[in-house]
Amino acid sequence: MLPVPDEDLTSLRIVLKMKSMGTDRVTLKIPRPLYEKIKIVIEGSGFSSVNEFVVYILRDLLSVTGTGKKDLSSQEVDAIRKRLENLGYF
């Protein structure tokens, strides 16, 4: 993957439960075109922000993959691939 210039990135604040590290937020940077595409996707969906949608998707992906200690079935891999494709990664 090629590096993306900073002007093409949008910062998202994702709230995480990280009490042991003394903070509850981190900043993730995503390409601005992806951010804009997500804004369009969530219109009328009930999500109040891109941040809320991204947190939902990440939690959903993690619930599918679990801790990563077991192999994923081909159906699980296909479901993840489809979700990432819908988000514009493929």
PDB file of N, CA and C in Angstrom:
ATOM      1  N   MET A   1       0.851  -1.175   0.000  1.00  0.00           N
ATOM      2  CA  MET A   1       0.000   0.000   0.000  1.00  0.00           C
ATOM      3  C   MET A   1       0.892   1.232   0.000  1.00  0.00           C
ATOM      4  N   LEU A   2       0.566   2.190  -0.864  1.00  0.00           N
ATOM      5  CA  LEU A   2       1.344   3.419  -0.948  1.00  0.00           C
ATOM      6  C   LEU A   2       0.962   4.379   0.165  1.00  0.00           C
ATOM      7  N   PRO A   3       1.925   5.162   0.655  1.00  0.00           N
ATOM      8  CA  PRO A   3       1.594   6.148   1.691  1.00  0.00           C
ATOM      9  C   PRO A   3       0.648   7.205   1.133  1.00  0.00           C
ATOM     10  N   VAL A   4      -0.248   7.679   1.973  1.00  0.00           N
ATOM     11  CA  VAL A   4      -1.218   8.700   1.581  1.00  0.00           C
ATOM     12  C   VAL A   4      -0.769  10.031   2.173  1.00  0.00           C
ATOM     13  N   PRO A   5      -0.694  11.092   1.337  1.00  0.00           N
ATOM     14  CA  PRO A   5      -0.309  12.398   1.878  1.00  0.00           C
ATOM     15  C   PRO A   5      -1.270  12.850   2.971  1.00  0.00           C
ATOM     16  N   ASP A   6      -0.740  13.593   3.961  1.00  0.00           N
ATOM     17  CA  ASP A   6      -1.555  14.034   5.091  1.00  0.00           C
ATOM     18  C   ASP A   6      -2.786  14.815   4.679  1.00  0.00           C
ATOM     19  N   GLU A   7      -2.715  15.592   3.595  1.00  0.00           N
ATOM     20  CA  GLU A   7      -3.880  16.399   3.222  1.00  0.00           C
ATOM     21  C   GLU A   7      -5.037  15.540   2.735  1.00  0.00           C
ATOM     22  N   ASP A   8      -4.787  14.265   2.419  1.00  0.00           N
ATOM     23  CA  ASP A   8      -5.841  13.371   1.982  1.00  0.00           C
ATOM     24  C   ASP A   8      -6.428  12.551   3.130  1.00  0.00           C
ATOM     25  N   LEU A   9      -6.006  12.838   4.348  1.00  0.00           N
ATOM     26  CA  LEU A   9      -6.479  12.056   5.486  1.00  0.00           C
ATOM     27  C   LEU A   9      -7.451  12.858   6.328  1.00  0.00           C
ATOM     28  N   THR A  10      -8.387  12.163   6.928  1.00  0.00           N
ATOM     29  CA  THR A  10      -9.338  12.741   7.851  1.00  0.00           C
ATOM     30  C   THR A  10      -9.174  12.030   9.175  1.00  0.00           C
ATOM     31  N   SER A  11      -9.109  12.782  10.255  1.00  0.00           N
ATOM     32  CA  SER A  11      -8.973  12.168  11.572  1.00  0.00           C
ATOM     33  C   SER A  11     -10.332  11.781  12.119  1.00  0.00           C
ATOM     34  N   LEU A  12     -10.398  10.625  12.713  1.00  0.00           N
ATOM     35  CA  LEU A  12     -11.598  10.158  13.391  1.00  0.00           C
ATOM     36  C   LEU A  12     -11.229   9.890  14.832  1.00  0.00           C
ATOM     37  N   ARG A  13     -12.047  10.341  15.743  1.00  0.00           N
ATOM     38  CA  ARG A  13     -11.815  10.031  17.147  1.00  0.00           C
ATOM     39  C   ARG A  13     -12.672   8.825  17.496  1.00  0.00           C
ATOM     40  N   ILE A  14     -12.012   7.770  17.921  1.00  0.00           N
ATOM     41  CA  ILE A  14     -12.673   6.534  18.289  1.00  0.00           C
ATOM     42  C   ILE A  14     -12.542   6.374  19.799  1.00  0.00           C
ATOM     43  N   VAL A  15     -13.672   6.273  20.489  1.00  0.00           N
ATOM     44  CA  VAL A  15     -13.648   6.127  21.939  1.00  0.00           C
ATOM     45  C   VAL A  15     -13.434   4.664  22.279  1.00  0.00           C
ATOM     46  N   LEU A  16     -12.396   4.391  23.033  1.00  0.00           N
ATOM     47  CA  LEU A  16     -12.068   3.040  23.458  1.00  0.00           C
ATOM     48  C   LEU A  16     -11.967   2.990  24.969  1.00  0.00           C
ATOM     49  N   LYS A  17     -12.236   1.850  25.538  1.00  0.00           N
ATOM     50  CA  LYS A  17     -12.071   1.651  26.970  1.00  0.00           C
ATOM     51  C   LYS A  17     -10.628   1.225  27.221  1.00  0.00           C
ATOM     52  N   MET A  18      -9.784   2.185  27.538  1.00  0.00           N
ATOM     53  CA  MET A  18      -8.373   1.914  27.749  1.00  0.00           C
ATOM     54  C   MET A  18      -7.928   2.547  29.059  1.00  0.00           C
ATOM     55  N   LYS A  19      -8.615   2.218  30.135  1.00  0.00           N
ATOM     56  CA  LYS A  19      -8.345   2.838  31.425  1.00  0.00           C
ATOM     57  C   LYS A  19      -6.915   2.584  31.891  1.00  0.00           C
ATOM     58  N   SER A  20      -6.379   1.408  31.578  1.00  0.00           N
ATOM     59  CA  SER A  20      -5.033   1.099  32.053  1.00  0.00           C
ATOM     60  C   SER A  20      -3.981   2.005  31.412  1.00  0.00           C
ATOM     61  N   MET A  21      -4.283   2.559  30.250  1.00  0.00           N
ATOM     62  CA  MET A  21      -3.341   3.437  29.575  1.00  0.00           C
ATOM     63  C   MET A  21      -3.586   4.905  29.914  1.00  0.00           C
ATOM     64  N   GLY A  22      -4.593   5.185  30.716  1.00  0.00           N
ATOM     65  CA  GLY A  22      -4.854   6.541  31.154  1.00  0.00           C
ATOM     66  C   GLY A  22      -5.587   7.400  30.140  1.00  0.00           C
ATOM     67  N   THR A  23      -6.080   6.815  29.077  1.00  0.00           N
ATOM     68  CA  THR A  23      -6.819   7.576  28.078  1.00  0.00           C
ATOM     69  C   THR A  23      -7.969   6.730  27.547  1.00  0.00           C
ATOM     70  N   ASP A  24      -8.993   7.394  27.046  1.00  0.00           N
ATOM     71  CA  ASP A  24     -10.117   6.644  26.500  1.00  0.00           C
ATOM     72  C   ASP A  24     -10.347   6.961  25.029  1.00  0.00           C
ATOM     73  N   ARG A  25      -9.406   7.652  24.374  1.00  0.00           N
ATOM     74  CA  ARG A  25      -9.561   7.996  22.962  1.00  0.00           C
ATOM     75  C   ARG A  25      -8.246   7.837  22.215  1.00  0.00           C
ATOM     76  N   VAL A  26      -8.386   7.473  20.953  1.00  0.00           N
ATOM     77  CA  VAL A  26      -7.265   7.469  20.034  1.00  0.00           C
ATOM     78  C   VAL A  26      -7.742   8.102  18.732  1.00  0.00           C
ATOM     79  N   THR A  27      -6.817   8.541  17.922  1.00  0.00           N
ATOM     80  CA  THR A  27      -7.161   9.120  16.633  1.00  0.00           C
ATOM     81  C   THR A  27      -6.711   8.167  15.534  1.00  0.00           C
ATOM     82  N   LEU A  28      -7.633   7.826  14.652  1.00  0.00           N
ATOM     83  CA  LEU A  28      -7.324   7.016  13.483  1.00  0.00           C
ATOM     84  C   LEU A  28      -7.437   7.905  12.264  1.00  0.00           C
ATOM     85  N   LYS A  29      -6.517   7.758  11.319  1.00  0.00           N
ATOM     86  CA  LYS A  29      -6.580   8.545  10.096  1.00  0.00           C
ATOM     87  C   LYS A  29      -6.982   7.639   8.945  1.00  0.00           C
ATOM     88  N   ILE A  30      -7.973   8.110   8.179  1.00  0.00           N
ATOM     89  CA  ILE A  30      -8.421   7.378   6.999  1.00  0.00           C
ATOM     90  C   ILE A  30      -8.399   8.341   5.823  1.00  0.00           C
ATOM     91  N   PRO A  31      -8.302   7.819   4.607  1.00  0.00           N
ATOM     92  CA  PRO A  31      -8.324   8.699   3.439  1.00  0.00           C
ATOM     93  C   PRO A  31      -9.635   9.491   3.378  1.00  0.00           C
ATOM     94  N   ARG A  32      -9.532  10.764   3.043  1.00  0.00           N
ATOM     95  CA  ARG A  32     -10.707  11.627   2.961  1.00  0.00           C
ATOM     96  C   ARG A  32     -11.771  11.066   2.011  1.00  0.00           C
ATOM     97  N   PRO A  33     -11.398  10.522   0.833  1.00  0.00           N
ATOM     98  CA  PRO A  33     -12.448   9.968  -0.042  1.00  0.00           C
ATOM     99  C   PRO A  33     -13.246   8.846   0.631  1.00  0.00           C
ATOM    100  N   LEU A  34     -12.574   8.031   1.439  1.00  0.00           N
ATOM    101  CA  LEU A  34     -13.278   6.982   2.174  1.00  0.00           C
ATOM    102  C   LEU A  34     -14.226   7.587   3.198  1.00  0.00           C
ATOM    103  N   TYR A  35     -13.756   8.614   3.904  1.00  0.00           N
ATOM    104  CA  TYR A  35     -14.599   9.311   4.886  1.00  0.00           C
ATOM    105  C   TYR A  35     -15.858   9.857   4.207  1.00  0.00           C
ATOM    106  N   GLU A  36     -15.672  10.501   3.070  1.00  0.00           N
ATOM    107  CA  GLU A  36     -16.813  11.084   2.349  1.00  0.00           C
ATOM    108  C   GLU A  36     -17.770   9.992   1.858  1.00  0.00           C
ATOM    109  N   LYS A  37     -17.219   8.862   1.421  1.00  0.00           N
ATOM    110  CA  LYS A  37     -18.062   7.753   0.966  1.00  0.00           C
ATOM    111  C   LYS A  37     -18.883   7.190   2.124  1.00  0.00           C
ATOM    112  N   ILE A  38     -18.257   7.065   3.295  1.00  0.00           N
ATOM    113  CA  ILE A  38     -18.977   6.568   4.468  1.00  0.00           C
ATOM    114  C   ILE A  38     -20.090   7.539   4.846  1.00  0.00           C
ATOM    115  N   LYS A  39     -19.828   8.848   4.773  1.00  0.00           N
ATOM    116  CA  LYS A  39     -20.874   9.839   5.069  1.00  0.00           C
ATOM    117  C   LYS A  39     -22.097   9.611   4.196  1.00  0.00           C
ATOM    118  N   ILE A  40     -21.871   9.316   2.916  1.00  0.00           N
ATOM    119  CA  ILE A  40     -22.985   9.075   1.996  1.00  0.00           C
ATOM    120  C   ILE A  40     -23.701   7.776   2.356  1.00  0.00           C
ATOM    121  N   VAL A  41     -22.929   6.738   2.671  1.00  0.00           N
ATOM    122  CA  VAL A  41     -23.502   5.424   2.996  1.00  0.00           C
ATOM    123  C   VAL A  41     -24.407   5.500   4.224  1.00  0.00           C
ATOM    124  N   ILE A  42     -24.028   6.297   5.226  1.00  0.00           N
ATOM    125  CA  ILE A  42     -24.796   6.302   6.483  1.00  0.00           C
ATOM    126  C   ILE A  42     -25.990   7.248   6.467  1.00  0.00           C
ATOM    127  N   GLU A  43     -26.141   8.048   5.408  1.00  0.00           N
ATOM    128  CA  GLU A  43     -27.298   8.959   5.344  1.00  0.00           C
ATOM    129  C   GLU A  43     -28.586   8.157   5.468  1.00  0.00           C
ATOM    130  N   GLY A  44     -29.420   8.544   6.422  1.00  0.00           N
ATOM    131  CA  GLY A  44     -30.705   7.880   6.625  1.00  0.00           C
ATOM    132  C   GLY A  44     -30.612   6.495   7.243  1.00  0.00           C
ATOM    133  N   SER A  45     -29.427   6.122   7.726  1.00  0.00           N
ATOM    134  CA  SER A  45     -29.242   4.774   8.263  1.00  0.00           C
ATOM    135  C   SER A  45     -29.478   4.693   9.764  1.00  0.00           C
ATOM    136  N   GLY A  46     -29.550   5.831  10.433  1.00  0.00           N
ATOM    137  CA  GLY A  46     -29.689   5.826  11.881  1.00  0.00           C
ATOM    138  C   GLY A  46     -28.388   6.091  12.608  1.00  0.00           C
ATOM    139  N   PHE A  47     -27.264   6.015  11.889  1.00  0.00           N
ATOM    140  CA  PHE A  47     -25.984   6.370  12.498  1.00  0.00           C
ATOM    141  C   PHE A  47     -25.878   7.886  12.516  1.00  0.00           C
ATOM    142  N   SER A  48     -25.470   8.437  13.652  1.00  0.00           N
ATOM    143  CA  SER A  48     -25.420   9.895  13.779  1.00  0.00           C
ATOM    144  C   SER A  48     -24.108  10.496  13.281  1.00  0.00           C
ATOM    145  N   SER A  49     -23.101   9.648  13.055  1.00  0.00           N
ATOM    146  CA  SER A  49     -21.813  10.170  12.594  1.00  0.00           C
ATOM    147  C   SER A  49     -21.004   9.056  11.944  1.00  0.00           C
ATOM    148  N   VAL A  50     -19.994   9.465  11.187  1.00  0.00           N
ATOM    149  CA  VAL A  50     -19.068   8.504  10.604  1.00  0.00           C
ATOM    150  C   VAL A  50     -18.361   7.749  11.724  1.00  0.00           C
ATOM    151  N   ASN A  51     -17.999   8.455  12.774  1.00  0.00           N
ATOM    152  CA  ASN A  51     -17.334   7.841  13.915  1.00  0.00           C
ATOM    153  C   ASN A  51     -18.180   6.696  14.494  1.00  0.00           C
ATOM    154  N   GLU A  52     -19.450   6.956  14.715  1.00  0.00           N
ATOM    155  CA  GLU A  52     -20.346   5.940  15.279  1.00  0.00           C
ATOM    156  C   GLU A  52     -20.413   4.713  14.367  1.00  0.00           C
ATOM    157  N   PHE A  53     -20.489   4.946  13.062  1.00  0.00           N
ATOM    158  CA  PHE A  53     -20.553   3.855  12.092  1.00  0.00           C
ATOM    159  C   PHE A  53     -19.265   3.031  12.099  1.00  0.00           C
ATOM    160  N   VAL A  54     -18.121   3.708  12.098  1.00  0.00           N
ATOM    161  CA  VAL A  54     -16.832   3.019  12.071  1.00  0.00           C
ATOM    162  C   VAL A  54     -16.645   2.180  13.336  1.00  0.00           C
ATOM    163  N   VAL A  55     -17.019   2.722  14.490  1.00  0.00           N
ATOM    164  CA  VAL A  55     -16.925   1.952  15.731  1.00  0.00           C
ATOM    165  C   VAL A  55     -17.811   0.711  15.642  1.00  0.00           C
ATOM    166  N   TYR A  56     -19.026   0.860  15.114  1.00  0.00           N
ATOM    167  CA  TYR A  56     -19.938  -0.268  14.953  1.00  0.00           C
ATOM    168  C   TYR A  56     -19.320  -1.343  14.061  1.00  0.00           C
ATOM    169  N   ILE A  57     -18.777  -0.932  12.916  1.00  0.00           N
ATOM    170  CA  ILE A  57     -18.187  -1.879  11.963  1.00  0.00           C
ATOM    171  C   ILE A  57     -16.991  -2.594  12.585  1.00  0.00           C
ATOM    172  N   LEU A  58     -16.136  -1.846  13.272  1.00  0.00           N
ATOM    173  CA  LEU A  58     -14.966  -2.464  13.899  1.00  0.00           C
ATOM    174  C   LEU A  58     -15.374  -3.470  14.966  1.00  0.00           C
ATOM    175  N   ARG A  59     -16.352  -3.114  15.776  1.00  0.00           N
ATOM    176  CA  ARG A  59     -16.829  -4.054  16.801  1.00  0.00           C
ATOM    177  C   ARG A  59     -17.426  -5.301  16.157  1.00  0.00           C
ATOM    178  N   ASP A  60     -18.177  -5.102  15.083  1.00  0.00           N
ATOM    179  CA  ASP A  60     -18.791  -6.221  14.379  1.00  0.00           C
ATOM    180  C   ASP A  60     -17.718  -7.133  13.785  1.00  0.00           C
ATOM    181  N   LEU A  61     -16.717  -6.549  13.165  1.00  0.00           N
ATOM    182  CA  LEU A  61     -15.630  -7.351  12.608  1.00  0.00           C
ATOM    183  C   LEU A  61     -14.899  -8.126  13.684  1.00  0.00           C
ATOM    184  N   LEU A  62     -14.653  -7.484  14.813  1.00  0.00           N
ATOM    185  CA  LEU A  62     -13.964  -8.166  15.906  1.00  0.00           C
ATOM    186  C   LEU A  62     -14.808  -9.285  16.497  1.00  0.00           C
ATOM    187  N   SER A  63     -16.114  -9.115  16.520  1.00  0.00           N
ATOM    188  CA  SER A  63     -16.966 -10.170  17.056  1.00  0.00           C
ATOM    189  C   SER A  63     -16.958 -11.379  16.128  1.00  0.00           C
ATOM    190  N   VAL A  64     -16.776 -11.155  14.840  1.00  0.00           N
ATOM    191  CA  VAL A  64     -16.710 -12.247  13.873  1.00  0.00           C
ATOM    192  C   VAL A  64     -15.379 -12.969  13.982  1.00  0.00           C
ATOM    193  N   THR A  65     -14.306 -12.202  14.140  1.00  0.00           N
ATOM    194  CA  THR A  65     -12.980 -12.803  14.156  1.00  0.00           C
ATOM    195  C   THR A  65     -12.570 -13.268  15.543  1.00  0.00           C
ATOM    196  N   GLY A  66     -13.240 -12.791  16.571  1.00  0.00           N
ATOM    197  CA  GLY A  66     -12.889 -13.187  17.929  1.00  0.00           C
ATOM    198  C   GLY A  66     -11.495 -12.721  18.297  1.00  0.00           C
ATOM    199  N   THR A  67     -10.757 -13.577  18.954  1.00  0.00           N
ATOM    200  CA  THR A  67      -9.406 -13.219  19.394  1.00  0.00           C
ATOM    201  C   THR A  67      -8.358 -13.532  18.346  1.00  0.00           C
ATOM    202  N   GLY A  68      -8.762 -14.170  17.261  1.00  0.00           N
ATOM    203  CA  GLY A  68      -7.802 -14.524  16.228  1.00  0.00           C
ATOM    204  C   GLY A  68      -7.076 -15.825  16.511  1.00  0.00           C
ATOM    205  N   LYS A  69      -7.457 -16.529  17.556  1.00  0.00           N
ATOM    206  CA  LYS A  69      -6.771 -17.757  17.932  1.00  0.00           C
ATOM    207  C   LYS A  69      -7.255 -18.970  17.144  1.00  0.00           C
ATOM    208  N   LYS A  70      -8.421 -18.858  16.505  1.00  0.00           N
ATOM    209  CA  LYS A  70      -8.902 -19.982  15.706  1.00  0.00           C
ATOM    210  C   LYS A  70      -8.942 -19.560  14.243  1.00  0.00           C
ATOM    211  N   ASP A  71      -8.868 -20.529  13.368  1.00  0.00           N
ATOM    212  CA  ASP A  71      -8.924 -20.245  11.941  1.00  0.00           C
ATOM    213  C   ASP A  71     -10.345 -19.852  11.557  1.00  0.00           C
ATOM    214  N   LEU A  72     -10.439 -18.917  10.629  1.00  0.00           N
ATOM    215  CA  LEU A  72     -11.743 -18.489  10.142  1.00  0.00           C
ATOM    216  C   LEU A  72     -12.216 -19.449   9.058  1.00  0.00           C
ATOM    217  N   SER A  73     -13.521 -19.672   9.022  1.00  0.00           N
ATOM    218  CA  SER A  73     -14.077 -20.496   7.950  1.00  0.00           C
ATOM    219  C   SER A  73     -14.078 -19.681   6.664  1.00  0.00           C
ATOM    220  N   SER A  74     -14.249 -20.345   5.547  1.00  0.00           N
ATOM    221  CA  SER A  74     -14.282 -19.626   4.269  1.00  0.00           C
ATOM    222  C   SER A  74     -15.484 -18.675   4.215  1.00  0.00           C
ATOM    223  N   GLN A  75     -16.576 -19.044   4.879  1.00  0.00           N
ATOM    224  CA  GLN A  75     -17.751 -18.166   4.925  1.00  0.00           C
ATOM    225  C   GLN A  75     -17.443 -16.898   5.715  1.00  0.00           C
ATOM    226  N   GLU A  76     -16.719 -17.037   6.835  1.00  0.00           N
ATOM    227  CA  GLU A  76     -16.343 -15.873   7.639  1.00  0.00           C
ATOM    228  C   GLU A  76     -15.397 -14.955   6.854  1.00  0.00           C
ATOM    229  N   VAL A  77     -14.451 -15.541   6.164  1.00  0.00           N
ATOM    230  CA  VAL A  77     -13.516 -14.754   5.349  1.00  0.00           C
ATOM    231  C   VAL A  77     -14.279 -14.019   4.258  1.00  0.00           C
ATOM    232  N   ASP A  78     -15.226 -14.695   3.614  1.00  0.00           N
ATOM    233  CA  ASP A  78     -16.039 -14.048   2.573  1.00  0.00           C
ATOM    234  C   ASP A  78     -16.863 -12.905   3.144  1.00  0.00           C
ATOM    235  N   ALA A  79     -17.425 -13.082   4.348  1.00  0.00           N
ATOM    236  CA  ALA A  79     -18.223 -12.028   4.982  1.00  0.00           C
ATOM    237  C   ALA A  79     -17.355 -10.814   5.297  1.00  0.00           C
ATOM    238  N   ILE A  80     -16.159 -11.045   5.799  1.00  0.00           N
ATOM    239  CA  ILE A  80     -15.241  -9.935   6.098  1.00  0.00           C
ATOM    240  C   ILE A  80     -14.824  -9.240   4.815  1.00  0.00           C
ATOM    241  N   ARG A  81     -14.486 -10.028   3.813  1.00  0.00           N
ATOM    242  CA  ARG A  81     -14.075  -9.454   2.526  1.00  0.00           C
ATOM    243  C   ARG A  81     -15.196  -8.590   1.941  1.00  0.00           C
ATOM    244  N   LYS A  82     -16.448  -9.061   2.043  1.00  0.00           N
ATOM    245  CA  LYS A  82     -17.584  -8.306   1.517  1.00  0.00           C
ATOM    246  C   LYS A  82     -17.770  -6.992   2.283  1.00  0.00           C
ATOM    247  N   ARG A  83     -17.626  -7.035   3.609  1.00  0.00           N
ATOM    248  CA  ARG A  83     -17.752  -5.820   4.423  1.00  0.00           C
ATOM    249  C   ARG A  83     -16.677  -4.810   4.055  1.00  0.00           C
ATOM    250  N   LEU A  84     -15.443  -5.292   3.900  1.00  0.00           N
ATOM    251  CA  LEU A  84     -14.347  -4.383   3.547  1.00  0.00           C
ATOM    252  C   LEU A  84     -14.540  -3.813   2.141  1.00  0.00           C
ATOM    253  N   GLU A  85     -15.066  -4.625   1.246  1.00  0.00           N
ATOM    254  CA  GLU A  85     -15.360  -4.151  -0.111  1.00  0.00           C
ATOM    255  C   GLU A  85     -16.424  -3.059  -0.076  1.00  0.00           C
ATOM    256  N   ASN A  86     -17.467  -3.267   0.732  1.00  0.00           N
ATOM    257  CA  ASN A  86     -18.527  -2.264   0.867  1.00  0.00           C
ATOM    258  C   ASN A  86     -18.007  -0.958   1.465  1.00  0.00           C
ATOM    259  N   LEU A  87     -16.928  -1.034   2.235  1.00  0.00           N
ATOM    260  CA  LEU A  87     -16.316   0.163   2.815  1.00  0.00           C
ATOM    261  C   LEU A  87     -15.305   0.807   1.870  1.00  0.00           C
ATOM    262  N   GLY A  88     -15.073   0.182   0.716  1.00  0.00           N
ATOM    263  CA  GLY A  88     -14.180   0.780  -0.261  1.00  0.00           C
ATOM    264  C   GLY A  88     -12.737   0.347  -0.171  1.00  0.00           C
ATOM    265  N   TYR A  89     -12.445  -0.691   0.575  1.00  0.00           N
ATOM    266  CA  TYR A  89     -11.060  -1.146   0.705  1.00  0.00           C
ATOM    267  C   TYR A  89     -10.618  -2.022  -0.471  1.00  0.00           C
ATOM    268  N   PHE A  90     -11.551  -2.647  -1.167  1.00  0.00           N
ATOM    269  CA  PHE A  90     -11.203  -3.496  -2.323  1.00  0.00           C
ATOM    270  C   PHE A  90     -11.807  -2.904  -3.568  1.00  0.00           C
TER     271      PHE A  90
END
